Amino acid sequence: MATIKEYFQAAEREKATDIYFSVGAPPFLKINGGLRPLKAHPDLSKRKIEGLARQLLSPEKLSEYGSHREVTSARTIAGLGRLRIVISDGRGGPCMVCRLIPTNIPEFDTLGLPSILPDWVSTGTGLILVMGRAGSGKTTTLASLVQHINNTSEKSILTVESPQEYVQPHNRSFIGTVRPRENGTLPDKATYSGLLETADIVVMDGLPFEETISPALKAAAEGLLVLATLETNGGVAEVLHRIINSVSTTRKRYRRNLLARTLRGAIWQHLLPLKDGSGFTPAVEVLINDPVISRLMGQKGDLHLLRPTMAAARYKGMQTMRQALETLKQQATVQEDIMAAFAGEILKYYVSPAKGSF
């Protein structure tokens, strides 16, 4: 019977990004956004998947799965690399997905992301948000930016990640790590207050929405640089609307003003497969918090003006997702049917934003 190491090696040979294990089916590899069965391998049983899980998960994580029937973790496979593991109950038994994490963190210049991002993390304080759905490359973007800081600056960096996918070495910066609780929420502040008091930069990835936003805004207001990911299917304007409306009516004005004062910038990214099958390229919506954007965020009822303002400020480095997709279409490097399907999905964010809802 194949081990997790053998599946990992098969995935690497086929240049897959993920391995899927489900009862009653062979393992599947995700390659260039599509799924391909490993037909040479037999259909998986409940016992086989549980055995693979025991190879990957610590006793604590196995106990968590036994209690909650769902768990997320990460594990280094000796001599190969790291896996991000998600296991939950599926049809007929456990279902497990393993994402391959590159051994080396990609250099920022290789990711096809807006060139303004390294400038955001090189100086100053405030909040930087990296948004996108699951599998959009948020964690890789964040890791690449932290690597850029680590290679160019002498900073104290505190990371809070659930799970920790990339392992950052100490280079020019010191990197401390806080482990979230089993449910992904932050531990009691007393357990990491010493690290926080000496930190210059806080990095938050994979935490629940409110466990990210409130601490991130507070840290940014206290003079730290905060880099945080948020999972979303919507764009920058929709997420900022959610951030403001996640507090009580009496606190919304304070939240709006705090966001307008501390936000440095935000991106919403989505990965699209290249025509030649060589990988993916990102489409990225970019918001830069200049005086106009700050005024729109701080003024009640004006968030609906964010997107047209971003579109008009392309000369400053801003752009909407529609503009990003149009550029990719002109370059003719992306699979057009997949890009058209994504454009159709996001259309609702462009045709139905009513001023009252913002």
Foldseek 3Di string as FASTA:
>chain_A
DDAPVVVLVVQVVQVFFKWKADAPFAIWTQALNDIDGPVVDDGDHQVRVVVNVVVFDDPVQVVVCVVPQWAWAKGADPPRGMWTKIWHADVNHIMMMIGGDDQDQDAPVVAQDFPCVLVLLPDWAFEEEEEEAPPQCSVSNLVNSVVSCQAPHAFQEEEEERYDRHDDDRHNYHYHYAYDPRVQARDDCVVCVVSLVRGQEYEYEDHADVSCLPVRLVSRVVTHHYYYYDYDLAFDLVVLLCQLPVDDPVCSLVSLLSCLVGHQWYKYWGWFGWPVSPGTHIQIFIDGNDPVNSVQSNDPLRSVCRQVVQCVVVVVVGHGSVVSLVVCVVVNTGDVVVSVVSCVVHVCVVPDDDSVSD
